[in-house]
Amino acid sequence: MRVTTTHHARSSHESAAHFKILAGVCFVGMLPVALVASLSRWRWQPWPPGRNGYRSAWWEAKNAAKTAAAIAVSV
């Protein structure tokens, strides 16, 4: 008995086109949020605040890097 299946494989060009559309939609969706945040001078803040309250994004990044480095050295 011969079994045949239909395989609807998309070509790489079709997949690339769908990815470009999705990326474009995401970009267009996030652009207004980024512009409003930039123009209204929103401040990046972690949620919930740490023991010392809110700090700058630079301080938070430096602290996260120190923690990651300590974990990497201890392994």
Protein backbone atom coordinates (compact mmCIF):
# COMPACT_ATOMS: atom_id res chain seq x y z
CA MET A 1 0.00 0.00 0.00
CA ARG A 2 1.45 3.32 -1.03
CA VAL A 3 0.96 6.30 1.27
CA THR A 4 1.34 9.76 -0.10
CA THR A 5 1.41 12.90 1.90
CA THR A 6 1.18 16.45 0.82
CA HIS A 7 3.89 18.58 2.22
CA HIS A 8 3.30 22.28 2.02
CA ALA A 9 6.85 23.42 2.53
CA ARG A 10 7.36 27.08 2.03
CA SER A 11 10.26 28.23 0.00
CA SER A 12 12.97 30.14 1.76
CA HIS A 13 11.89 33.24 -0.14
CA GLU A 14 8.36 32.96 1.24
CA SER A 15 9.67 32.44 4.77
CA ALA A 16 11.99 35.41 4.41
CA ALA A 17 9.12 37.57 3.16
CA HIS A 18 6.92 36.56 6.11
CA PHE A 19 9.75 37.27 8.53
CA LYS A 20 10.32 40.71 7.00
CA ILE A 21 6.63 41.52 7.32
CA LEU A 22 6.57 40.39 10.96
CA ALA A 23 9.74 42.34 11.77
CA GLY A 24 8.31 45.44 10.07
CA VAL A 25 5.03 45.22 11.97
CA CYS A 26 6.88 44.81 15.29
CA PHE A 27 9.14 47.76 14.47
CA VAL A 28 6.20 49.98 13.53
CA GLY A 29 4.39 48.90 16.70
CA MET A 30 7.31 49.64 19.03
CA LEU A 31 8.47 52.87 17.36
CA PRO A 32 5.68 55.06 18.82
CA VAL A 33 6.29 53.61 22.28
CA ALA A 34 10.00 54.40 22.03
CA LEU A 35 9.33 57.90 20.70
CA VAL A 36 6.84 58.72 23.45
CA ALA A 37 9.23 57.36 26.08
CA SER A 38 12.09 59.35 24.65
CA LEU A 39 10.17 62.59 24.27
CA SER A 40 8.53 62.39 27.69
CA ARG A 41 11.88 61.51 29.28
CA TRP A 42 10.59 58.35 30.94
CA ARG A 43 13.18 56.80 33.18
CA TRP A 44 13.95 53.09 33.03
CA GLN A 45 13.11 51.54 36.37
CA PRO A 46 13.18 47.95 37.51
CA TRP A 47 10.03 46.58 39.06
CA PRO A 48 9.85 46.24 42.01
CA PRO A 49 12.56 48.57 43.25
CA GLY A 50 15.56 47.08 45.00
CA ARG A 51 16.57 47.49 48.65
CA ASN A 52 18.12 50.87 47.88
CA GLY A 53 15.20 52.16 45.83
CA TYR A 54 15.54 53.11 42.18
CA ARG A 55 18.97 53.68 40.68
CA SER A 56 20.16 54.68 37.25
CA ALA A 57 20.13 52.21 34.37
CA TRP A 58 23.95 52.37 34.32
CA TRP A 59 24.13 51.39 38.01
CA GLU A 60 21.69 48.53 37.44
CA ALA A 61 23.67 47.24 34.42
CA LYS A 62 26.96 47.44 36.32
CA ASN A 63 25.44 45.60 39.29
CA ALA A 64 24.03 42.88 37.01
CA ALA A 65 27.43 42.48 35.32
CA LYS A 66 29.15 42.11 38.69
CA THR A 67 26.62 39.46 39.74
CA ALA A 68 27.00 37.57 36.45
CA ALA A 69 30.80 37.69 36.73
CA ALA A 70 30.68 36.38 40.30
CA ILE A 71 28.44 33.49 39.23
CA ALA A 72 30.70 32.70 36.25
CA VAL A 73 33.83 32.65 38.43
CA SER A 74 32.20 30.45 41.08
CA VAL A 75 31.20 27.76 38.56
